[in-house]
Amino acid sequence: MKTKSIRMSDELLEAVALVVKEEKIEETTAIRKLITIGFETYVAERYRLGKISLALASRRLGLNQIETLHLFSEHGIKGNLDTDDVMHSLKLLSKV
């Protein structure tokens, strides 16, 4: 693990302090947790907008596709496949 030095606004420091207090965790753990949540939200939004595929989102998050869809559902994001996409995939699978 690498060490990074960052500047944080008073508002962000207060947010970190709130997580530390409520979850009874160390400050560095709270910062990592908040960064992880932010990155997951960023990837989920890119997927929702159709900017990245489920496969790419899964790779970026280090999860399998089922885990990724579960995470996205927690963010209120449904799969972005339509019926045509599913039918096309089924046709490709039936040829294998």
Protein backbone atom coordinates (compact mmCIF):
# COMPACT_ATOMS: atom_id res chain seq x y z
CA MET A 1 0.00 0.00 0.00
CA LYS A 2 1.29 3.45 -0.89
CA THR A 3 1.02 6.62 1.14
CA LYS A 4 -0.46 9.78 -0.37
CA SER A 5 -0.66 13.23 1.13
CA ILE A 6 -3.77 15.24 0.29
CA ARG A 7 -5.31 18.54 1.31
CA MET A 8 -8.87 18.33 2.61
CA SER A 9 -11.40 21.04 3.25
CA ASP A 10 -12.81 21.52 6.72
CA GLU A 11 -16.12 20.08 5.48
CA LEU A 12 -14.43 16.86 4.32
CA LEU A 13 -12.50 16.59 7.57
CA GLU A 14 -15.78 16.94 9.46
CA ALA A 15 -17.29 14.17 7.30
CA VAL A 16 -14.34 11.91 8.10
CA ALA A 17 -14.66 12.72 11.80
CA LEU A 18 -18.34 11.83 11.68
CA VAL A 19 -17.58 8.41 10.16
CA VAL A 20 -14.82 7.84 12.73
CA LYS A 21 -17.18 8.63 15.58
CA GLU A 22 -20.23 6.76 14.30
CA GLU A 23 -18.41 3.63 13.18
CA LYS A 24 -15.70 3.69 15.84
CA ILE A 25 -12.91 3.24 13.32
CA GLU A 26 -9.56 4.89 12.76
CA GLU A 27 -9.35 8.06 10.67
CA THR A 28 -7.33 6.40 7.89
CA THR A 29 -9.87 3.58 7.68
CA ALA A 30 -12.70 6.11 7.42
CA ILE A 31 -10.91 7.97 4.62
CA ARG A 32 -10.31 4.73 2.69
CA LYS A 33 -13.95 3.76 3.20
CA LEU A 34 -15.23 7.08 1.88
CA ILE A 35 -12.90 6.97 -1.12
CA THR A 36 -14.07 3.43 -1.91
CA ILE A 37 -17.72 4.46 -1.71
CA GLY A 38 -16.98 7.42 -3.97
CA PHE A 39 -15.23 5.24 -6.56
CA GLU A 40 -18.04 2.67 -6.52
CA THR A 41 -20.53 5.47 -7.05
CA TYR A 42 -18.44 6.89 -9.90
CA VAL A 43 -18.22 3.53 -11.68
CA ALA A 44 -21.93 2.87 -11.12
CA GLU A 45 -22.83 6.22 -12.65
CA ARG A 46 -20.59 5.58 -15.69
CA TYR A 47 -22.37 2.25 -16.15
CA ARG A 48 -25.84 3.82 -15.70
CA LEU A 49 -25.01 6.36 -18.40
CA GLY A 50 -23.89 3.59 -20.75
CA LYS A 51 -20.31 4.89 -20.81
CA ILE A 52 -18.85 1.56 -19.69
CA SER A 53 -19.95 -2.07 -19.94
CA LEU A 54 -20.80 -4.34 -17.05
CA ALA A 55 -17.63 -6.32 -17.76
CA LEU A 56 -15.46 -3.20 -17.56
CA ALA A 57 -17.26 -1.95 -14.44
CA SER A 58 -16.66 -5.35 -12.82
CA ARG A 59 -12.96 -5.29 -13.67
CA ARG A 60 -12.56 -1.77 -12.31
CA LEU A 61 -14.30 -2.72 -9.07
CA GLY A 62 -12.52 -6.06 -8.72
CA LEU A 63 -15.84 -7.91 -8.53
CA ASN A 64 -17.56 -10.53 -10.64
CA GLN A 65 -20.52 -9.40 -12.73
CA ILE A 66 -23.16 -10.73 -10.32
CA GLU A 67 -21.52 -8.89 -7.40
CA THR A 68 -21.32 -5.75 -9.53
CA LEU A 69 -25.01 -5.91 -10.44
CA HIS A 70 -25.84 -6.40 -6.75
CA LEU A 71 -23.74 -3.35 -5.81
CA PHE A 72 -25.40 -1.31 -8.55
CA SER A 73 -28.86 -2.37 -7.38
CA GLU A 74 -27.93 -0.98 -3.94
CA HIS A 75 -27.30 2.32 -5.76
CA GLY A 76 -30.72 2.03 -7.44
CA ILE A 77 -29.20 1.24 -10.83
CA LYS A 78 -30.72 -1.53 -12.89
CA GLY A 79 -28.99 -3.35 -15.70
CA ASN A 80 -28.76 -1.32 -18.90
CA LEU A 81 -29.50 -4.22 -21.23
CA ASP A 82 -32.69 -4.17 -23.23
CA THR A 83 -34.57 -7.10 -24.74
CA ASP A 84 -32.66 -6.88 -28.02
CA ASP A 85 -29.34 -7.15 -26.16
CA VAL A 86 -30.50 -10.23 -24.27
CA MET A 87 -31.90 -11.91 -27.40
CA HIS A 88 -28.67 -11.23 -29.28
CA SER A 89 -26.62 -12.77 -26.47
CA LEU A 90 -28.88 -15.84 -26.35
CA LYS A 91 -28.50 -16.32 -30.12
CA LEU A 92 -24.72 -16.13 -29.80
CA LEU A 93 -24.77 -18.65 -26.94
CA SER A 94 -26.96 -21.08 -28.87
CA LYS A 95 -24.34 -21.17 -31.66
CA VAL A 96 -21.59 -22.32 -29.31
